[in-house]
Amino acid sequence: MKIVLGLLLLSLGLQAQTLNISGNWDITIAKPTVPGSNYLNSYESSTNAVILSGSDNSILAIGAKYTFSVSMTGALPSGVKLYARRTADGTITSSFLSINVGNYSNGLSYVELTNLVQALFYINITVAVNLGTTLFQNIPIQYKLEGLSVTQPTGTYTVTVTYTVSK
Protein backbone atom coordinates (compact mmCIF):
# COMPACT_ATOMS: atom_id res chain seq x y z
CA MET A 1 0.00 0.00 0.00
CA LYS A 2 1.34 3.43 -0.84
CA ILE A 3 0.13 6.73 0.59
CA VAL A 4 1.19 9.93 -1.17
CA LEU A 5 0.63 13.26 0.54
CA GLY A 6 0.33 16.20 -1.82
CA LEU A 7 0.69 19.67 -0.41
CA LEU A 8 -1.13 22.77 -1.48
CA LEU A 9 -0.44 26.25 -0.25
CA LEU A 10 -3.14 28.83 0.06
CA SER A 11 -3.27 32.26 1.60
CA LEU A 12 -6.56 33.64 2.85
CA GLY A 13 -7.58 36.81 4.61
CA LEU A 14 -5.63 39.92 3.75
CA GLN A 15 -3.70 39.62 0.52
CA ALA A 16 -0.51 40.71 2.24
CA GLN A 17 -0.07 37.23 3.77
CA THR A 18 1.86 34.45 2.10
CA LEU A 19 2.52 30.87 3.13
CA ASN A 20 5.28 28.64 1.75
CA ILE A 21 5.37 24.88 2.24
CA SER A 22 8.33 22.59 1.76
CA GLY A 23 8.67 18.84 2.24
CA ASN A 24 6.28 15.92 1.89
CA TRP A 25 5.51 12.46 3.22
CA ASP A 26 5.50 9.66 0.69
CA ILE A 27 5.08 6.40 2.59
CA THR A 28 5.15 2.87 1.20
CA ILE A 29 3.86 0.24 3.61
CA ALA A 30 4.84 -3.37 3.02
CA LYS A 31 2.19 -6.00 3.59
CA PRO A 32 2.89 -8.11 6.70
CA THR A 33 4.79 -11.29 5.86
CA VAL A 34 3.76 -13.34 8.91
CA PRO A 35 0.44 -15.15 8.31
CA GLY A 36 -2.35 -13.75 10.50
CA SER A 37 -0.50 -10.54 11.36
CA ASN A 38 -1.68 -7.03 10.65
CA TYR A 39 -0.11 -3.65 9.97
CA LEU A 40 1.29 -1.57 12.82
CA ASN A 41 -1.25 0.49 14.81
CA SER A 42 0.12 3.73 13.43
CA TYR A 43 2.83 5.18 11.20
CA GLU A 44 4.41 8.58 11.82
CA SER A 45 6.42 10.81 9.53
CA SER A 46 9.56 12.58 10.67
CA THR A 47 8.86 15.45 13.07
CA ASN A 48 9.63 17.92 10.28
CA ALA A 49 8.11 16.21 7.24
CA VAL A 50 6.72 19.59 6.21
CA ILE A 51 8.04 23.04 7.05
CA LEU A 52 5.74 26.07 6.95
CA SER A 53 7.14 29.55 6.44
CA GLY A 54 5.54 32.78 5.36
CA SER A 55 5.07 36.46 5.92
CA ASP A 56 2.59 39.24 6.41
CA ASN A 57 3.49 42.53 4.74
CA SER A 58 0.89 44.55 6.63
CA ILE A 59 2.25 47.89 7.73
CA LEU A 60 0.98 47.47 11.29
CA ALA A 61 0.16 44.27 13.20
CA ILE A 62 -0.73 45.31 16.73
CA GLY A 63 -1.97 42.32 18.70
CA ALA A 64 -2.71 40.38 15.52
CA LYS A 65 -3.74 36.74 15.70
CA TYR A 66 -2.92 34.45 12.78
CA THR A 67 -4.84 31.22 12.31
CA PHE A 68 -3.07 28.39 10.48
CA SER A 69 -5.73 25.99 9.22
CA VAL A 70 -5.60 22.63 7.47
CA SER A 71 -7.86 20.38 5.42
CA MET A 72 -7.49 17.28 3.27
CA THR A 73 -8.88 16.12 -0.06
CA GLY A 74 -8.57 12.69 -1.59
CA ALA A 75 -9.59 9.25 -0.43
CA LEU A 76 -7.99 6.83 1.99
CA PRO A 77 -9.25 3.28 2.58
CA SER A 78 -12.26 3.03 4.88
CA GLY A 79 -11.20 3.33 8.52
CA VAL A 80 -7.83 4.92 7.77
CA LYS A 81 -7.25 8.31 9.35
CA LEU A 82 -4.57 10.93 8.74
CA TYR A 83 -3.49 13.39 11.42
CA ALA A 84 -1.20 16.43 11.51
CA ARG A 85 0.45 18.44 14.29
CA ARG A 86 3.02 21.15 14.86
CA THR A 87 6.01 19.62 16.63
CA ALA A 88 7.83 22.79 17.70
CA ASP A 89 7.75 26.55 17.47
CA GLY A 90 9.28 28.22 14.47
CA THR A 91 10.51 31.79 14.63
CA ILE A 92 8.30 34.88 14.50
CA THR A 93 10.26 38.00 13.76
CA SER A 94 9.66 41.53 12.52
CA SER A 95 11.79 42.96 9.73
CA PHE A 96 11.60 46.28 11.58
CA LEU A 97 12.55 45.07 15.07
CA SER A 98 14.51 41.89 14.22
CA ILE A 99 13.31 40.25 17.44
CA ASN A 100 10.78 37.59 18.36
CA VAL A 101 7.43 39.37 18.23
CA GLY A 102 4.95 36.61 19.07
CA ASN A 103 4.09 33.22 20.46
CA TYR A 104 2.30 30.03 19.44
CA SER A 105 -0.80 28.41 20.82
CA ASN A 106 -2.33 24.98 20.14
CA GLY A 107 -1.25 22.55 17.45
CA LEU A 108 1.08 20.27 19.45
CA SER A 109 -1.57 17.53 19.64
CA TYR A 110 -2.62 15.64 16.53
CA VAL A 111 -5.67 16.92 14.63
CA GLU A 112 -7.54 14.49 12.38
CA LEU A 113 -7.56 15.80 8.82
CA THR A 114 -10.89 15.91 7.01
CA ASN A 115 -12.34 17.77 4.05
CA LEU A 116 -13.43 20.52 6.45
CA VAL A 117 -11.06 23.43 7.09
CA GLN A 118 -10.07 23.49 10.75
CA ALA A 119 -7.58 25.42 12.86
CA LEU A 120 -4.28 23.63 13.46
CA PHE A 121 -2.52 26.34 15.51
CA TYR A 122 -2.37 30.08 16.14
CA ILE A 123 0.33 32.73 16.25
CA ASN A 124 -0.28 35.73 18.49
CA ILE A 125 1.71 38.91 17.90
CA THR A 126 2.65 40.21 21.33
CA VAL A 127 4.84 43.22 20.60
CA ALA A 128 2.80 46.42 20.83
CA VAL A 129 4.19 47.94 17.64
CA ASN A 130 5.28 45.79 14.75
CA LEU A 131 6.03 47.86 11.68
CA GLY A 132 7.20 46.12 8.54
CA THR A 133 7.03 42.47 7.53
CA THR A 134 6.23 39.76 10.07
CA LEU A 135 8.09 36.57 9.19
CA PHE A 136 6.94 33.09 10.24
CA GLN A 137 9.77 30.65 9.64
CA ASN A 138 10.57 26.96 10.07
CA ILE A 139 7.33 25.71 11.62
CA PRO A 140 7.67 21.88 11.61
CA ILE A 141 4.67 19.64 10.86
CA GLN A 142 4.41 15.89 11.50
CA TYR A 143 1.84 13.40 10.15
CA LYS A 144 0.40 10.20 11.57
CA LEU A 145 -1.54 7.48 9.75
CA GLU A 146 -3.81 5.08 11.68
CA GLY A 147 -6.31 2.36 10.95
CA LEU A 148 -4.59 0.27 8.27
CA SER A 149 -5.77 -3.32 8.01
CA VAL A 150 -4.86 -6.27 5.79
CA THR A 151 -8.57 -6.49 4.94
CA GLN A 152 -8.40 -3.18 3.05
CA PRO A 153 -7.65 -3.15 -0.67
CA THR A 154 -4.01 -2.54 -1.55
CA GLY A 155 -3.13 0.23 -3.95
CA THR A 156 -1.89 3.76 -4.17
CA TYR A 157 -3.88 6.36 -2.27
CA THR A 158 -3.20 10.05 -2.76
CA VAL A 159 -4.41 12.86 -0.54
CA THR A 160 -3.74 16.58 -0.73
CA VAL A 161 -3.27 18.54 2.47
CA THR A 162 -4.15 22.23 2.16
CA TYR A 163 -2.78 24.81 4.59
CA THR A 164 -4.22 28.30 4.93
CA VAL A 165 -3.24 31.30 7.01
CA SER A 166 -5.62 34.10 7.92
CA LYS A 167 -5.53 37.12 10.19
C-alpha atoms as a PDB file:
ATOM      1  CA  MET A   1       0.000   0.000   0.000  1.00  0.00           C
ATOM      2  CA  LYS A   2       1.340   3.431  -0.840  1.00  0.00           C
ATOM      3  CA  ILE A   3       0.128   6.734   0.591  1.00  0.00           C
ATOM      4  CA  VAL A   4       1.190   9.932  -1.166  1.00  0.00           C
ATOM      5  CA  LEU A   5       0.632  13.260   0.540  1.00  0.00           C
ATOM      6  CA  GLY A   6       0.327  16.199  -1.816  1.00  0.00           C
ATOM      7  CA  LEU A   7       0.687  19.671  -0.406  1.00  0.00           C
ATOM      8  CA  LEU A   8      -1.130  22.771  -1.483  1.00  0.00           C
ATOM      9  CA  LEU A   9      -0.444  26.250  -0.248  1.00  0.00           C
ATOM     10  CA  LEU A  10      -3.138  28.830   0.059  1.00  0.00           C
ATOM     11  CA  SER A  11      -3.273  32.264   1.599  1.00  0.00           C
ATOM     12  CA  LEU A  12      -6.565  33.645   2.847  1.00  0.00           C
ATOM     13  CA  GLY A  13      -7.579  36.813   4.608  1.00  0.00           C
ATOM     14  CA  LEU A  14      -5.625  39.919   3.754  1.00  0.00           C
ATOM     15  CA  GLN A  15      -3.702  39.616   0.516  1.00  0.00           C
ATOM     16  CA  ALA A  16      -0.508  40.708   2.241  1.00  0.00           C
ATOM     17  CA  GLN A  17      -0.070  37.234   3.767  1.00  0.00           C
ATOM     18  CA  THR A  18       1.858  34.448   2.101  1.00  0.00           C
ATOM     19  CA  LEU A  19       2.523  30.867   3.134  1.00  0.00           C
ATOM     20  CA  ASN A  20       5.283  28.640   1.750  1.00  0.00           C
ATOM     21  CA  ILE A  21       5.370  24.880   2.237  1.00  0.00           C
ATOM     22  CA  SER A  22       8.334  22.589   1.763  1.00  0.00           C
ATOM     23  CA  GLY A  23       8.665  18.842   2.235  1.00  0.00           C
ATOM     24  CA  ASN A  24       6.279  15.917   1.892  1.00  0.00           C
ATOM     25  CA  TRP A  25       5.506  12.460   3.216  1.00  0.00           C
ATOM     26  CA  ASP A  26       5.498   9.658   0.686  1.00  0.00           C
ATOM     27  CA  ILE A  27       5.079   6.402   2.592  1.00  0.00           C
ATOM     28  CA  THR A  28       5.145   2.872   1.204  1.00  0.00           C
ATOM     29  CA  ILE A  29       3.862   0.241   3.610  1.00  0.00           C
ATOM     30  CA  ALA A  30       4.845  -3.365   3.018  1.00  0.00           C
ATOM     31  CA  LYS A  31       2.189  -5.996   3.590  1.00  0.00           C
ATOM     32  CA  PRO A  32       2.888  -8.108   6.699  1.00  0.00           C
ATOM     33  CA  THR A  33       4.788 -11.294   5.857  1.00  0.00           C
ATOM     34  CA  VAL A  34       3.756 -13.339   8.910  1.00  0.00           C
ATOM     35  CA  PRO A  35       0.444 -15.151   8.315  1.00  0.00           C
ATOM     36  CA  GLY A  36      -2.353 -13.754  10.503  1.00  0.00           C
ATOM     37  CA  SER A  37      -0.503 -10.542  11.364  1.00  0.00           C
ATOM     38  CA  ASN A  38      -1.683  -7.030  10.646  1.00  0.00           C
ATOM     39  CA  TYR A  39      -0.107  -3.646   9.966  1.00  0.00           C
ATOM     40  CA  LEU A  40       1.291  -1.568  12.817  1.00  0.00           C
ATOM     41  CA  ASN A  41      -1.248   0.492  14.809  1.00  0.00           C
ATOM     42  CA  SER A  42       0.119   3.732  13.426  1.00  0.00           C
ATOM     43  CA  TYR A  43       2.826   5.185  11.199  1.00  0.00           C
ATOM     44  CA  GLU A  44       4.411   8.577  11.822  1.00  0.00           C
ATOM     45  CA  SER A  45       6.417  10.810   9.534  1.00  0.00           C
ATOM     46  CA  SER A  46       9.558  12.583  10.673  1.00  0.00           C
ATOM     47  CA  THR A  47       8.865  15.450  13.068  1.00  0.00           C
ATOM     48  CA  ASN A  48       9.633  17.923  10.285  1.00  0.00           C
ATOM     49  CA  ALA A  49       8.114  16.209   7.238  1.00  0.00           C
ATOM     50  CA  VAL A  50       6.724  19.586   6.206  1.00  0.00           C
ATOM     51  CA  ILE A  51       8.042  23.041   7.054  1.00  0.00           C
ATOM     52  CA  LEU A  52       5.736  26.069   6.950  1.00  0.00           C
ATOM     53  CA  SER A  53       7.140  29.553   6.442  1.00  0.00           C
ATOM     54  CA  GLY A  54       5.536  32.785   5.361  1.00  0.00           C
ATOM     55  CA  SER A  55       5.066  36.461   5.921  1.00  0.00           C
ATOM     56  CA  ASP A  56       2.586  39.242   6.414  1.00  0.00           C
ATOM     57  CA  ASN A  57       3.491  42.527   4.744  1.00  0.00           C
ATOM     58  CA  SER A  58       0.890  44.550   6.634  1.00  0.00           C
ATOM     59  CA  ILE A  59       2.246  47.895   7.735  1.00  0.00           C
ATOM     60  CA  LEU A  60       0.976  47.472  11.292  1.00  0.00           C
ATOM     61  CA  ALA A  61       0.161  44.271  13.203  1.00  0.00           C
ATOM     62  CA  ILE A  62      -0.725  45.313  16.734  1.00  0.00           C
ATOM     63  CA  GLY A  63      -1.972  42.322  18.702  1.00  0.00           C
ATOM     64  CA  ALA A  64      -2.713  40.376  15.518  1.00  0.00           C
ATOM     65  CA  LYS A  65      -3.743  36.736  15.700  1.00  0.00           C
ATOM     66  CA  TYR A  66      -2.924  34.448  12.779  1.00  0.00           C
ATOM     67  CA  THR A  67      -4.839  31.218  12.308  1.00  0.00           C
ATOM     68  CA  PHE A  68      -3.074  28.394  10.484  1.00  0.00           C
ATOM     69  CA  SER A  69      -5.727  25.987   9.217  1.00  0.00           C
ATOM     70  CA  VAL A  70      -5.595  22.631   7.475  1.00  0.00           C
ATOM     71  CA  SER A  71      -7.861  20.382   5.416  1.00  0.00           C
ATOM     72  CA  MET A  72      -7.490  17.278   3.271  1.00  0.00           C
ATOM     73  CA  THR A  73      -8.880  16.122  -0.062  1.00  0.00           C
ATOM     74  CA  GLY A  74      -8.575  12.690  -1.594  1.00  0.00           C
ATOM     75  CA  ALA A  75      -9.593   9.251  -0.431  1.00  0.00           C
ATOM     76  CA  LEU A  76      -7.990   6.833   1.989  1.00  0.00           C
ATOM     77  CA  PRO A  77      -9.249   3.284   2.579  1.00  0.00           C
ATOM     78  CA  SER A  78     -12.262   3.031   4.884  1.00  0.00           C
ATOM     79  CA  GLY A  79     -11.202   3.329   8.519  1.00  0.00           C
ATOM     80  CA  VAL A  80      -7.825   4.916   7.772  1.00  0.00           C
ATOM     81  CA  LYS A  81      -7.253   8.313   9.352  1.00  0.00           C
ATOM     82  CA  LEU A  82      -4.567  10.934   8.738  1.00  0.00           C
ATOM     83  CA  TYR A  83      -3.491  13.387  11.424  1.00  0.00           C
ATOM     84  CA  ALA A  84      -1.200  16.433  11.515  1.00  0.00           C
ATOM     85  CA  ARG A  85       0.447  18.436  14.285  1.00  0.00           C
ATOM     86  CA  ARG A  86       3.016  21.148  14.861  1.00  0.00           C
ATOM     87  CA  THR A  87       6.007  19.615  16.634  1.00  0.00           C
ATOM     88  CA  ALA A  88       7.830  22.785  17.700  1.00  0.00           C
ATOM     89  CA  ASP A  89       7.750  26.551  17.469  1.00  0.00           C
ATOM     90  CA  GLY A  90       9.276  28.216  14.468  1.00  0.00           C
ATOM     91  CA  THR A  91      10.505  31.787  14.632  1.00  0.00           C
ATOM     92  CA  ILE A  92       8.296  34.877  14.498  1.00  0.00           C
ATOM     93  CA  THR A  93      10.264  38.004  13.760  1.00  0.00           C
ATOM     94  CA  SER A  94       9.665  41.526  12.521  1.00  0.00           C
ATOM     95  CA  SER A  95      11.789  42.961   9.734  1.00  0.00           C
ATOM     96  CA  PHE A  96      11.598  46.283  11.578  1.00  0.00           C
ATOM     97  CA  LEU A  97      12.548  45.073  15.068  1.00  0.00           C
ATOM     98  CA  SER A  98      14.509  41.893  14.215  1.00  0.00           C
ATOM     99  CA  ILE A  99      13.313  40.251  17.441  1.00  0.00           C
ATOM    100  CA  ASN A 100      10.778  37.588  18.361  1.00  0.00           C
ATOM    101  CA  VAL A 101       7.425  39.365  18.226  1.00  0.00           C
ATOM    102  CA  GLY A 102       4.946  36.614  19.069  1.00  0.00           C
ATOM    103  CA  ASN A 103       4.089  33.220  20.459  1.00  0.00           C
ATOM    104  CA  TYR A 104       2.298  30.035  19.439  1.00  0.00           C
ATOM    105  CA  SER A 105      -0.803  28.408  20.820  1.00  0.00           C
ATOM    106  CA  ASN A 106      -2.326  24.983  20.135  1.00  0.00           C
ATOM    107  CA  GLY A 107      -1.251  22.547  17.453  1.00  0.00           C
ATOM    108  CA  LEU A 108       1.079  20.270  19.447  1.00  0.00           C
ATOM    109  CA  SER A 109      -1.573  17.533  19.637  1.00  0.00           C
ATOM    110  CA  TYR A 110      -2.618  15.642  16.525  1.00  0.00           C
ATOM    111  CA  VAL A 111      -5.668  16.919  14.633  1.00  0.00           C
ATOM    112  CA  GLU A 112      -7.542  14.494  12.378  1.00  0.00           C
ATOM    113  CA  LEU A 113      -7.558  15.798   8.822  1.00  0.00           C
ATOM    114  CA  THR A 114     -10.891  15.912   7.011  1.00  0.00           C
ATOM    115  CA  ASN A 115     -12.341  17.767   4.047  1.00  0.00           C
ATOM    116  CA  LEU A 116     -13.432  20.519   6.453  1.00  0.00           C
ATOM    117  CA  VAL A 117     -11.058  23.428   7.088  1.00  0.00           C
ATOM    118  CA  GLN A 118     -10.070  23.486  10.748  1.00  0.00           C
ATOM    119  CA  ALA A 119      -7.576  25.417  12.860  1.00  0.00           C
ATOM    120  CA  LEU A 120      -4.281  23.631  13.461  1.00  0.00           C
ATOM    121  CA  PHE A 121      -2.524  26.344  15.507  1.00  0.00           C
ATOM    122  CA  TYR A 122      -2.367  30.084  16.137  1.00  0.00           C
ATOM    123  CA  ILE A 123       0.331  32.735  16.247  1.00  0.00           C
ATOM    124  CA  ASN A 124      -0.282  35.735  18.487  1.00  0.00           C
ATOM    125  CA  ILE A 125       1.714  38.907  17.902  1.00  0.00           C
ATOM    126  CA  THR A 126       2.653  40.211  21.335  1.00  0.00           C
ATOM    127  CA  VAL A 127       4.838  43.218  20.596  1.00  0.00           C
ATOM    128  CA  ALA A 128       2.800  46.415  20.828  1.00  0.00           C
ATOM    129  CA  VAL A 129       4.192  47.943  17.644  1.00  0.00           C
ATOM    130  CA  ASN A 130       5.281  45.788  14.750  1.00  0.00           C
ATOM    131  CA  LEU A 131       6.032  47.860  11.685  1.00  0.00           C
ATOM    132  CA  GLY A 132       7.205  46.121   8.537  1.00  0.00           C
ATOM    133  CA  THR A 133       7.034  42.474   7.533  1.00  0.00           C
ATOM    134  CA  THR A 134       6.235  39.759  10.065  1.00  0.00           C
ATOM    135  CA  LEU A 135       8.091  36.569   9.193  1.00  0.00           C
ATOM    136  CA  PHE A 136       6.938  33.088  10.244  1.00  0.00           C
ATOM    137  CA  GLN A 137       9.766  30.650   9.638  1.00  0.00           C
ATOM    138  CA  ASN A 138      10.572  26.963  10.073  1.00  0.00           C
ATOM    139  CA  ILE A 139       7.333  25.708  11.618  1.00  0.00           C
ATOM    140  CA  PRO A 140       7.671  21.879  11.606  1.00  0.00           C
ATOM    141  CA  ILE A 141       4.671  19.644  10.863  1.00  0.00           C
ATOM    142  CA  GLN A 142       4.406  15.887  11.496  1.00  0.00           C
ATOM    143  CA  TYR A 143       1.840  13.397  10.152  1.00  0.00           C
ATOM    144  CA  LYS A 144       0.405  10.195  11.575  1.00  0.00           C
ATOM    145  CA  LEU A 145      -1.543   7.477   9.752  1.00  0.00           C
ATOM    146  CA  GLU A 146      -3.809   5.077  11.679  1.00  0.00           C
ATOM    147  CA  GLY A 147      -6.313   2.356  10.947  1.00  0.00           C
ATOM    148  CA  LEU A 148      -4.594   0.271   8.274  1.00  0.00           C
ATOM    149  CA  SER A 149      -5.768  -3.318   8.006  1.00  0.00           C
ATOM    150  CA  VAL A 150      -4.859  -6.268   5.792  1.00  0.00           C
ATOM    151  CA  THR A 151      -8.567  -6.488   4.941  1.00  0.00           C
ATOM    152  CA  GLN A 152      -8.404  -3.179   3.046  1.00  0.00           C
ATOM    153  CA  PRO A 153      -7.645  -3.148  -0.667  1.00  0.00           C
ATOM    154  CA  THR A 154      -4.008  -2.539  -1.547  1.00  0.00           C
ATOM    155  CA  GLY A 155      -3.132   0.228  -3.953  1.00  0.00           C
ATOM    156  CA  THR A 156      -1.889   3.761  -4.166  1.00  0.00           C
ATOM    157  CA  TYR A 157      -3.881   6.361  -2.274  1.00  0.00           C
ATOM    158  CA  THR A 158      -3.196  10.051  -2.762  1.00  0.00           C
ATOM    159  CA  VAL A 159      -4.411  12.862  -0.542  1.00  0.00           C
ATOM    160  CA  THR A 160      -3.743  16.580  -0.731  1.00  0.00           C
ATOM    161  CA  VAL A 161      -3.271  18.541   2.472  1.00  0.00           C
ATOM    162  CA  THR A 162      -4.147  22.226   2.159  1.00  0.00           C
ATOM    163  CA  TYR A 163      -2.784  24.807   4.594  1.00  0.00           C
ATOM    164  CA  THR A 164      -4.219  28.298   4.935  1.00  0.00           C
ATOM    165  CA  VAL A 165      -3.238  31.303   7.009  1.00  0.00           C
ATOM    166  CA  SER A 166      -5.620  34.103   7.919  1.00  0.00           C
ATOM    167  CA  LYS A 167      -5.529  37.122  10.191  1.00  0.00           C
END
